[in-house]
């Protein structure tokens, strides 16, 4: 308790419990491992290991599917400068980090959350005449029912089609119907992507920020996507801010400073 209450005021009860239960009571804990321990030396060793790992590990390592490229942006000319769009000057921004779509999809499809994805779209219909048990009329559908453009039985008179998820939408049904025919053992599906991006302030002080791009799957119910604890979003890319040198480049190209 002396260690807990003295020194830094940042320690919480949870920190102390983690130290006791997660370290000191661990089966492999040995006090001799701490002989001649030096925190600065240990931190230097960690830094050296991270440097040696290079681009293979870390937050943006290749093991996570991250890639780095140079963005080439066509910059429109200011008003009064007769430059066609196809001849627009190109400004290059190096260091753009992103993950290819297939990498993110592969990660998601191998995760436990895969079981919640709807890979086959469908229609939901309501029969107002159904009883309290919700059972539709047994006469509504039959093997000889006429099929609609999606290969589903036509909605009977008096029934209502329900919408609420992308995998229940006509667009998703049409995309699924248009899939090429494959061997019976090779399933083909439509993966619907959703993207979201917004600047993120990294601290309560200063102006350090990031501008991430998140990807979501519309094959997942909106009720699950709306739960933060479900972690439905995945890091797709990180947008860059234009460097200060862009203004100088722009002025050299067009003879005037950028307006914004």
C-alpha atoms as a PDB file:
ATOM      1  CA  UNK A   1       0.000   0.000   0.000  1.00  0.00           C
ATOM      2  CA  UNK A   2       2.991   2.321   0.509  1.00  0.00           C
ATOM      3  CA  UNK A   3       3.847   1.922  -3.192  1.00  0.00           C
ATOM      4  CA  UNK A   4       0.218   2.601  -4.135  1.00  0.00           C
ATOM      5  CA  UNK A   5      -0.135   5.848  -2.165  1.00  0.00           C
ATOM      6  CA  UNK A   6       3.344   7.332  -2.672  1.00  0.00           C
ATOM      7  CA  UNK A   7       4.923   8.671  -5.817  1.00  0.00           C
ATOM      8  CA  UNK A   8       2.702   9.203  -8.840  1.00  0.00           C
ATOM      9  CA  UNK A   9      -0.946  10.103  -8.276  1.00  0.00           C
ATOM     10  CA  UNK A  10      -1.845   8.452 -11.572  1.00  0.00           C
ATOM     11  CA  UNK A  11      -2.074   4.952 -10.049  1.00  0.00           C
ATOM     12  CA  UNK A  12      -5.574   3.561  -9.657  1.00  0.00           C
ATOM     13  CA  UNK A  13      -6.915   0.656  -7.622  1.00  0.00           C
ATOM     14  CA  UNK A  14      -7.139  -1.322 -10.858  1.00  0.00           C
ATOM     15  CA  UNK A  15      -3.447  -0.669 -11.596  1.00  0.00           C
ATOM     16  CA  UNK A  16      -2.408  -2.041  -8.221  1.00  0.00           C
ATOM     17  CA  UNK A  17      -4.677  -5.079  -8.560  1.00  0.00           C
ATOM     18  CA  UNK A  18      -3.189  -5.781 -11.992  1.00  0.00           C
ATOM     19  CA  UNK A  19       0.322  -5.575 -10.528  1.00  0.00           C
ATOM     20  CA  UNK A  20      -0.515  -8.014  -7.736  1.00  0.00           C
ATOM     21  CA  UNK A  21      -2.717 -10.494  -9.587  1.00  0.00           C
ATOM     22  CA  UNK A  22      -1.249 -10.237 -13.071  1.00  0.00           C
ATOM     23  CA  UNK A  23       2.449 -10.076 -12.163  1.00  0.00           C
ATOM     24  CA  UNK A  24       3.337 -10.933  -8.564  1.00  0.00           C
ATOM     25  CA  UNK A  25       0.883 -13.854  -8.280  1.00  0.00           C
ATOM     26  CA  UNK A  26       1.609 -15.194 -11.769  1.00  0.00           C
ATOM     27  CA  UNK A  27       2.909 -18.779 -11.836  1.00  0.00           C
ATOM     28  CA  UNK A  28       6.035 -17.798 -13.748  1.00  0.00           C
ATOM     29  CA  UNK A  29       6.889 -14.829 -11.503  1.00  0.00           C
ATOM     30  CA  UNK A  30      10.402 -14.939 -10.049  1.00  0.00           C
ATOM     31  CA  UNK A  31      11.812 -12.042  -8.023  1.00  0.00           C
ATOM     32  CA  UNK A  32      15.299 -12.910  -9.267  1.00  0.00           C
ATOM     33  CA  UNK A  33      14.243 -11.762 -12.736  1.00  0.00           C
ATOM     34  CA  UNK A  34      14.218  -8.203 -11.377  1.00  0.00           C
ATOM     35  CA  UNK A  35      17.791  -8.217 -10.094  1.00  0.00           C
ATOM     36  CA  UNK A  36      19.809  -5.386 -11.687  1.00  0.00           C
ATOM     37  CA  UNK A  37      16.639  -4.204 -13.438  1.00  0.00           C
ATOM     38  CA  UNK A  38      16.898  -0.747 -15.005  1.00  0.00           C
ATOM     39  CA  UNK A  39      13.777   0.815 -16.508  1.00  0.00           C
ATOM     40  CA  UNK A  40      15.698   3.044 -18.931  1.00  0.00           C
ATOM     41  CA  UNK A  41      17.715   0.107 -20.244  1.00  0.00           C
ATOM     42  CA  UNK A  42      14.546  -1.968 -20.611  1.00  0.00           C
ATOM     43  CA  UNK A  43      12.858   0.820 -22.585  1.00  0.00           C
ATOM     44  CA  UNK A  44      15.884   1.115 -24.871  1.00  0.00           C
ATOM     45  CA  UNK A  45      15.732  -2.619 -25.520  1.00  0.00           C
ATOM     46  CA  UNK A  46      12.051  -2.359 -26.406  1.00  0.00           C
ATOM     47  CA  UNK A  47      12.760   0.523 -28.783  1.00  0.00           C
ATOM     48  CA  UNK A  48      15.562  -1.428 -30.441  1.00  0.00           C
ATOM     49  CA  UNK A  49      13.314  -4.455 -30.869  1.00  0.00           C
ATOM     50  CA  UNK A  50      10.627  -2.295 -32.473  1.00  0.00           C
ATOM     51  CA  UNK A  51      13.176  -0.769 -34.859  1.00  0.00           C
ATOM     52  CA  UNK A  52      14.501  -4.209 -35.792  1.00  0.00           C
ATOM     53  CA  UNK A  53      10.980  -5.376 -36.505  1.00  0.00           C
ATOM     54  CA  UNK A  54      10.752  -2.649 -39.147  1.00  0.00           C
ATOM     55  CA  UNK A  55       7.665  -2.540 -41.306  1.00  0.00           C
ATOM     56  CA  UNK A  56       6.618  -6.123 -40.509  1.00  0.00           C
ATOM     57  CA  UNK A  57       5.035  -5.340 -37.151  1.00  0.00           C
ATOM     58  CA  UNK A  58       3.685  -2.381 -35.268  1.00  0.00           C
ATOM     59  CA  UNK A  59       0.485  -0.447 -35.765  1.00  0.00           C
ATOM     60  CA  UNK A  60       1.067   0.000 -39.500  1.00  0.00           C
ATOM     61  CA  UNK A  61       3.104  -3.137 -40.181  1.00  0.00           C
ATOM     62  CA  UNK A  62       2.730  -5.391 -43.187  1.00  0.00           C
ATOM     63  CA  UNK A  63       1.512  -8.190 -40.915  1.00  0.00           C
ATOM     64  CA  UNK A  64      -1.682  -6.200 -40.461  1.00  0.00           C
ATOM     65  CA  UNK A  65      -2.056  -5.734 -44.203  1.00  0.00           C
ATOM     66  CA  UNK A  66      -0.953  -2.092 -44.144  1.00  0.00           C
ATOM     67  CA  UNK A  67       0.653  -0.573 -47.210  1.00  0.00           C
ATOM     68  CA  UNK A  68       2.177   2.813 -47.909  1.00  0.00           C
ATOM     69  CA  UNK A  69       1.984   4.751 -51.142  1.00  0.00           C
ATOM     70  CA  UNK A  70       2.293   8.227 -52.603  1.00  0.00           C
ATOM     71  CA  UNK A  71      -0.951  10.001 -53.436  1.00  0.00           C
ATOM     72  CA  UNK A  72      -1.078  11.945 -56.686  1.00  0.00           C
ATOM     73  CA  UNK A  73      -3.682  14.703 -56.491  1.00  0.00           C
ATOM     74  CA  UNK A  74      -4.833  16.724 -59.485  1.00  0.00           C
ATOM     75  CA  UNK A  75      -5.056  20.314 -58.298  1.00  0.00           C
ATOM     76  CA  UNK A  76      -7.624  22.523 -60.080  1.00  0.00           C
ATOM     77  CA  UNK A  77      -6.356  25.836 -61.382  1.00  0.00           C
ATOM     78  CA  UNK A  78      -7.767  29.079 -59.941  1.00  0.00           C
ATOM     79  CA  UNK A  79     -10.374  31.063 -61.828  1.00  0.00           C
ATOM     80  CA  UNK A  80      -9.021  32.917 -64.786  1.00  0.00           C
ATOM     81  CA  UNK A  81      -6.269  30.389 -65.510  1.00  0.00           C
ATOM     82  CA  UNK A  82      -7.123  28.473 -68.651  1.00  0.00           C
ATOM     83  CA  UNK A  83      -6.013  24.951 -67.742  1.00  0.00           C
ATOM     84  CA  UNK A  84      -8.112  21.956 -68.772  1.00  0.00           C
ATOM     85  CA  UNK A  85      -8.887  19.366 -66.111  1.00  0.00           C
ATOM     86  CA  UNK A  86      -6.910  16.694 -67.959  1.00  0.00           C
ATOM     87  CA  UNK A  87      -3.875  18.996 -67.880  1.00  0.00           C
ATOM     88  CA  UNK A  88      -4.217  19.892 -64.197  1.00  0.00           C
ATOM     89  CA  UNK A  89      -1.010  20.014 -62.190  1.00  0.00           C
ATOM     90  CA  UNK A  90      -0.327  16.961 -60.024  1.00  0.00           C
ATOM     91  CA  UNK A  91       0.772  17.330 -56.422  1.00  0.00           C
ATOM     92  CA  UNK A  92       2.333  14.288 -54.748  1.00  0.00           C
ATOM     93  CA  UNK A  93       1.827  13.480 -51.066  1.00  0.00           C
ATOM     94  CA  UNK A  94       3.998  10.604 -49.802  1.00  0.00           C
ATOM     95  CA  UNK A  95       3.306   8.437 -46.784  1.00  0.00           C
ATOM     96  CA  UNK A  96      -0.388   7.576 -47.291  1.00  0.00           C
ATOM     97  CA  UNK A  97      -1.127   4.434 -45.258  1.00  0.00           C
ATOM     98  CA  UNK A  98      -4.017   2.149 -46.161  1.00  0.00           C
ATOM     99  CA  UNK A  99      -5.213  -1.440 -46.130  1.00  0.00           C
ATOM    100  CA  UNK A 100      -6.504  -3.042 -49.348  1.00  0.00           C
ATOM    101  CA  UNK A 101     -10.170  -4.015 -49.169  1.00  0.00           C
ATOM    102  CA  UNK A 102      -9.380  -7.696 -49.584  1.00  0.00           C
ATOM    103  CA  UNK A 103      -7.091  -7.596 -46.532  1.00  0.00           C
ATOM    104  CA  UNK A 104      -9.820  -6.135 -44.329  1.00  0.00           C
ATOM    105  CA  UNK A 105     -12.446  -8.518 -45.692  1.00  0.00           C
ATOM    106  CA  UNK A 106     -10.158 -11.493 -45.116  1.00  0.00           C
ATOM    107  CA  UNK A 107      -9.596 -10.384 -41.515  1.00  0.00           C
ATOM    108  CA  UNK A 108     -13.314  -9.913 -40.877  1.00  0.00           C
ATOM    109  CA  UNK A 109     -14.331 -13.210 -42.456  1.00  0.00           C
ATOM    110  CA  UNK A 110     -11.894 -15.098 -40.228  1.00  0.00           C
ATOM    111  CA  UNK A 111     -13.031 -13.380 -37.039  1.00  0.00           C
ATOM    112  CA  UNK A 112     -15.718 -14.688 -34.633  1.00  0.00           C
ATOM    113  CA  UNK A 113     -18.018 -11.895 -35.861  1.00  0.00           C
ATOM    114  CA  UNK A 114     -18.304 -13.675 -39.209  1.00  0.00           C
ATOM    115  CA  UNK A 115     -21.169 -15.727 -37.768  1.00  0.00           C
ATOM    116  CA  UNK A 116     -23.294 -12.559 -37.532  1.00  0.00           C
ATOM    117  CA  UNK A 117     -22.931 -11.653 -41.226  1.00  0.00           C
ATOM    118  CA  UNK A 118     -25.826 -12.168 -43.655  1.00  0.00           C
ATOM    119  CA  UNK A 119     -24.259 -13.472 -46.861  1.00  0.00           C
ATOM    120  CA  UNK A 120     -27.537 -14.378 -48.566  1.00  0.00           C
ATOM    121  CA  UNK A 121     -29.999 -11.479 -48.916  1.00  0.00           C
ATOM    122  CA  UNK A 122     -33.694 -12.068 -48.393  1.00  0.00           C
ATOM    123  CA  UNK A 123     -37.067 -10.362 -48.268  1.00  0.00           C
ATOM    124  CA  UNK A 124     -39.056  -9.909 -45.071  1.00  0.00           C
ATOM    125  CA  UNK A 125     -42.828  -9.794 -45.451  1.00  0.00           C
ATOM    126  CA  UNK A 126     -45.715  -9.237 -43.101  1.00  0.00           C
ATOM    127  CA  UNK A 127     -49.104 -10.864 -43.318  1.00  0.00           C
ATOM    128  CA  UNK A 128     -51.587  -8.557 -41.512  1.00  0.00           C
ATOM    129  CA  UNK A 129     -54.061 -11.419 -41.303  1.00  0.00           C
ATOM    130  CA  UNK A 130     -51.668 -13.636 -39.356  1.00  0.00           C
ATOM    131  CA  UNK A 131     -52.730 -14.566 -35.867  1.00  0.00           C
ATOM    132  CA  UNK A 132     -51.030 -13.737 -32.596  1.00  0.00           C
ATOM    133  CA  UNK A 133     -48.573 -16.570 -33.192  1.00  0.00           C
ATOM    134  CA  UNK A 134     -47.301 -14.743 -36.279  1.00  0.00           C
ATOM    135  CA  UNK A 135     -47.811 -17.732 -38.546  1.00  0.00           C
ATOM    136  CA  UNK A 136     -48.580 -16.690 -42.157  1.00  0.00           C
ATOM    137  CA  UNK A 137     -51.326 -18.272 -44.159  1.00  0.00           C
ATOM    138  CA  UNK A 138     -50.369 -21.736 -45.387  1.00  0.00           C
ATOM    139  CA  UNK A 139     -51.915 -20.840 -48.739  1.00  0.00           C
ATOM    140  CA  UNK A 140     -49.647 -17.827 -49.313  1.00  0.00           C
ATOM    141  CA  UNK A 141     -46.841 -19.735 -51.017  1.00  0.00           C
ATOM    142  CA  UNK A 142     -46.612 -22.970 -52.948  1.00  0.00           C
ATOM    143  CA  UNK A 143     -44.038 -24.704 -55.164  1.00  0.00           C
ATOM    144  CA  UNK A 144     -45.857 -23.273 -58.167  1.00  0.00           C
ATOM    145  CA  UNK A 145     -45.826 -19.669 -56.930  1.00  0.00           C
ATOM    146  CA  UNK A 146     -44.779 -17.127 -59.532  1.00  0.00           C
ATOM    147  CA  UNK A 147     -41.279 -15.750 -58.988  1.00  0.00           C
ATOM    148  CA  UNK A 148     -40.223 -12.107 -59.089  1.00  0.00           C
ATOM    149  CA  UNK A 149     -37.106 -10.664 -60.733  1.00  0.00           C
ATOM    150  CA  UNK A 150     -34.972 -11.816 -57.800  1.00  0.00           C
ATOM    151  CA  UNK A 151     -36.063 -15.441 -58.008  1.00  0.00           C
ATOM    152  CA  UNK A 152     -38.312 -15.170 -54.940  1.00  0.00           C
ATOM    153  CA  UNK A 153     -42.051 -15.861 -54.745  1.00  0.00           C
ATOM    154  CA  UNK A 154     -44.109 -12.806 -55.639  1.00  0.00           C
ATOM    155  CA  UNK A 155     -45.449 -11.005 -52.580  1.00  0.00           C
ATOM    156  CA  UNK A 156     -49.094 -12.125 -52.212  1.00  0.00           C
ATOM    157  CA  UNK A 157     -51.929  -9.626 -52.231  1.00  0.00           C
ATOM    158  CA  UNK A 158     -52.494  -8.138 -48.802  1.00  0.00           C
ATOM    159  CA  UNK A 159     -48.946  -8.856 -47.631  1.00  0.00           C
ATOM    160  CA  UNK A 160     -46.458  -6.060 -47.031  1.00  0.00           C
ATOM    161  CA  UNK A 161     -42.740  -6.062 -47.767  1.00  0.00           C
ATOM    162  CA  UNK A 162     -40.572  -4.880 -44.876  1.00  0.00           C
ATOM    163  CA  UNK A 163     -37.319  -2.953 -45.199  1.00  0.00           C
ATOM    164  CA  UNK A 164     -34.765  -2.146 -42.542  1.00  0.00           C
ATOM    165  CA  UNK A 165     -31.429  -3.650 -43.518  1.00  0.00           C
ATOM    166  CA  UNK A 166     -29.287  -3.352 -46.635  1.00  0.00           C
ATOM    167  CA  UNK A 167     -29.254  -7.131 -47.037  1.00  0.00           C
ATOM    168  CA  UNK A 168     -33.064  -6.949 -47.346  1.00  0.00           C
ATOM    169  CA  UNK A 169     -32.997  -4.240 -50.035  1.00  0.00           C
ATOM    170  CA  UNK A 170     -33.847  -4.646 -53.753  1.00  0.00           C
ATOM    171  CA  UNK A 171     -30.330  -3.502 -54.699  1.00  0.00           C
ATOM    172  CA  UNK A 172     -28.732  -6.254 -52.630  1.00  0.00           C
ATOM    173  CA  UNK A 173     -31.130  -8.860 -54.001  1.00  0.00           C
ATOM    174  CA  UNK A 174     -30.402  -7.744 -57.559  1.00  0.00           C
ATOM    175  CA  UNK A 175     -26.636  -7.860 -56.977  1.00  0.00           C
ATOM    176  CA  UNK A 176     -26.922 -11.356 -55.527  1.00  0.00           C
ATOM    177  CA  UNK A 177     -29.048 -12.516 -58.465  1.00  0.00           C
ATOM    178  CA  UNK A 178     -26.411 -11.161 -60.893  1.00  0.00           C
ATOM    179  CA  UNK A 179     -23.564 -13.172 -59.360  1.00  0.00           C
ATOM    180  CA  UNK A 180     -21.872 -15.480 -61.883  1.00  0.00           C
ATOM    181  CA  UNK A 181     -22.675 -19.158 -61.622  1.00  0.00           C
ATOM    182  CA  UNK A 182     -19.964 -21.163 -59.889  1.00  0.00           C
ATOM    183  CA  UNK A 183     -19.329 -24.760 -58.985  1.00  0.00           C
ATOM    184  CA  UNK A 184     -21.718 -26.006 -56.274  1.00  0.00           C
ATOM    185  CA  UNK A 185     -18.898 -26.252 -53.728  1.00  0.00           C
ATOM    186  CA  UNK A 186     -17.723 -22.658 -54.324  1.00  0.00           C
ATOM    187  CA  UNK A 187     -20.041 -20.111 -52.735  1.00  0.00           C
ATOM    188  CA  UNK A 188     -20.135 -16.598 -54.169  1.00  0.00           C
ATOM    189  CA  UNK A 189     -21.548 -13.753 -52.111  1.00  0.00           C
ATOM    190  CA  UNK A 190     -22.033  -9.993 -52.228  1.00  0.00           C
ATOM    191  CA  UNK A 191     -20.090  -7.997 -49.639  1.00  0.00           C
ATOM    192  CA  UNK A 192     -21.584  -4.551 -49.021  1.00  0.00           C
ATOM    193  CA  UNK A 193     -19.174  -1.937 -47.689  1.00  0.00           C
ATOM    194  CA  UNK A 194     -19.866   1.165 -45.619  1.00  0.00           C
ATOM    195  CA  UNK A 195     -17.235   3.832 -44.984  1.00  0.00           C
ATOM    196  CA  UNK A 196     -17.010   6.522 -42.339  1.00  0.00           C
ATOM    197  CA  UNK A 197     -14.384   9.160 -41.678  1.00  0.00           C
ATOM    198  CA  UNK A 198     -13.936  12.034 -39.262  1.00  0.00           C
ATOM    199  CA  UNK A 199     -11.021  13.821 -37.625  1.00  0.00           C
ATOM    200  CA  UNK A 200     -10.003  12.510 -34.209  1.00  0.00           C
ATOM    201  CA  UNK A 201      -8.443  14.684 -31.515  1.00  0.00           C
ATOM    202  CA  UNK A 202      -5.666  12.711 -29.820  1.00  0.00           C
ATOM    203  CA  UNK A 203      -5.484  14.638 -26.538  1.00  0.00           C
ATOM    204  CA  UNK A 204      -7.306  17.194 -24.437  1.00  0.00           C
ATOM    205  CA  UNK A 205      -4.463  19.635 -25.028  1.00  0.00           C
ATOM    206  CA  UNK A 206      -2.602  20.698 -28.157  1.00  0.00           C
ATOM    207  CA  UNK A 207      -3.796  20.162 -31.715  1.00  0.00           C
ATOM    208  CA  UNK A 208      -2.480  16.665 -32.450  1.00  0.00           C
ATOM    209  CA  UNK A 209      -5.062  14.769 -34.482  1.00  0.00           C
ATOM    210  CA  UNK A 210      -5.608  11.925 -36.935  1.00  0.00           C
ATOM    211  CA  UNK A 211      -8.108  11.520 -39.752  1.00  0.00           C
ATOM    212  CA  UNK A 212      -8.896   7.797 -39.991  1.00  0.00           C
ATOM    213  CA  UNK A 213     -11.117   6.011 -42.487  1.00  0.00           C
ATOM    214  CA  UNK A 214     -13.223   3.203 -41.027  1.00  0.00           C
ATOM    215  CA  UNK A 215     -14.943   0.444 -42.964  1.00  0.00           C
ATOM    216  CA  UNK A 216     -18.064  -1.468 -41.956  1.00  0.00           C
ATOM    217  CA  UNK A 217     -20.001  -4.326 -43.520  1.00  0.00           C
ATOM    218  CA  UNK A 218     -23.645  -3.784 -44.395  1.00  0.00           C
ATOM    219  CA  UNK A 219     -24.020  -7.579 -44.234  1.00  0.00           C
ATOM    220  CA  UNK A 220     -24.061  -7.014 -40.480  1.00  0.00           C
ATOM    221  CA  UNK A 221     -27.297  -5.894 -38.856  1.00  0.00           C
ATOM    222  CA  UNK A 222     -27.494  -2.181 -38.094  1.00  0.00           C
ATOM    223  CA  UNK A 223     -28.406  -3.093 -34.520  1.00  0.00           C
ATOM    224  CA  UNK A 224     -25.011  -4.770 -34.083  1.00  0.00           C
ATOM    225  CA  UNK A 225     -23.167  -2.072 -36.035  1.00  0.00           C
ATOM    226  CA  UNK A 226     -24.619   0.504 -33.650  1.00  0.00           C
ATOM    227  CA  UNK A 227     -23.127  -1.161 -30.569  1.00  0.00           C
ATOM    228  CA  UNK A 228     -19.619   0.172 -29.810  1.00  0.00           C
ATOM    229  CA  UNK A 229     -18.769  -2.921 -27.767  1.00  0.00           C
ATOM    230  CA  UNK A 230     -19.303  -5.060 -30.865  1.00  0.00           C
ATOM    231  CA  UNK A 231     -16.308  -3.333 -32.516  1.00  0.00           C
ATOM    232  CA  UNK A 232     -17.911  -3.481 -35.984  1.00  0.00           C
ATOM    233  CA  UNK A 233     -15.589  -0.923 -37.599  1.00  0.00           C
ATOM    234  CA  UNK A 234     -12.133  -1.663 -38.966  1.00  0.00           C
ATOM    235  CA  UNK A 235      -9.251   0.671 -39.722  1.00  0.00           C
ATOM    236  CA  UNK A 236      -9.018   1.142 -43.479  1.00  0.00           C
ATOM    237  CA  UNK A 237      -6.733   4.138 -44.019  1.00  0.00           C
ATOM    238  CA  UNK A 238      -5.341   7.312 -42.477  1.00  0.00           C
ATOM    239  CA  UNK A 239      -5.682  10.543 -44.410  1.00  0.00           C
ATOM    240  CA  UNK A 240      -2.834  13.026 -44.475  1.00  0.00           C
ATOM    241  CA  UNK A 241      -2.842  16.763 -44.011  1.00  0.00           C
ATOM    242  CA  UNK A 242      -1.290  18.823 -46.765  1.00  0.00           C
ATOM    243  CA  UNK A 243       2.204  19.953 -45.749  1.00  0.00           C
ATOM    244  CA  UNK A 244       3.050  23.632 -45.398  1.00  0.00           C
ATOM    245  CA  UNK A 245       5.107  23.376 -48.593  1.00  0.00           C
ATOM    246  CA  UNK A 246       1.886  22.958 -50.605  1.00  0.00           C
ATOM    247  CA  UNK A 247       1.226  26.720 -50.553  1.00  0.00           C
ATOM    248  CA  UNK A 248       4.656  27.420 -52.020  1.00  0.00           C
ATOM    249  CA  UNK A 249       4.171  24.740 -54.684  1.00  0.00           C
ATOM    250  CA  UNK A 250       0.733  26.128 -55.590  1.00  0.00           C
ATOM    251  CA  UNK A 251       2.074  29.666 -55.879  1.00  0.00           C
ATOM    252  CA  UNK A 252       4.873  28.503 -58.165  1.00  0.00           C
ATOM    253  CA  UNK A 253       2.399  26.634 -60.369  1.00  0.00           C
ATOM    254  CA  UNK A 254      -0.257  29.320 -60.770  1.00  0.00           C
ATOM    255  CA  UNK A 255       1.333  32.577 -59.674  1.00  0.00           C
ATOM    256  CA  UNK A 256      -1.209  33.134 -56.887  1.00  0.00           C
ATOM    257  CA  UNK A 257      -1.589  31.734 -53.381  1.00  0.00           C
ATOM    258  CA  UNK A 258      -4.320  29.141 -52.727  1.00  0.00           C
ATOM    259  CA  UNK A 259      -7.581  30.633 -51.492  1.00  0.00           C
ATOM    260  CA  UNK A 260      -8.156  27.990 -48.838  1.00  0.00           C
END
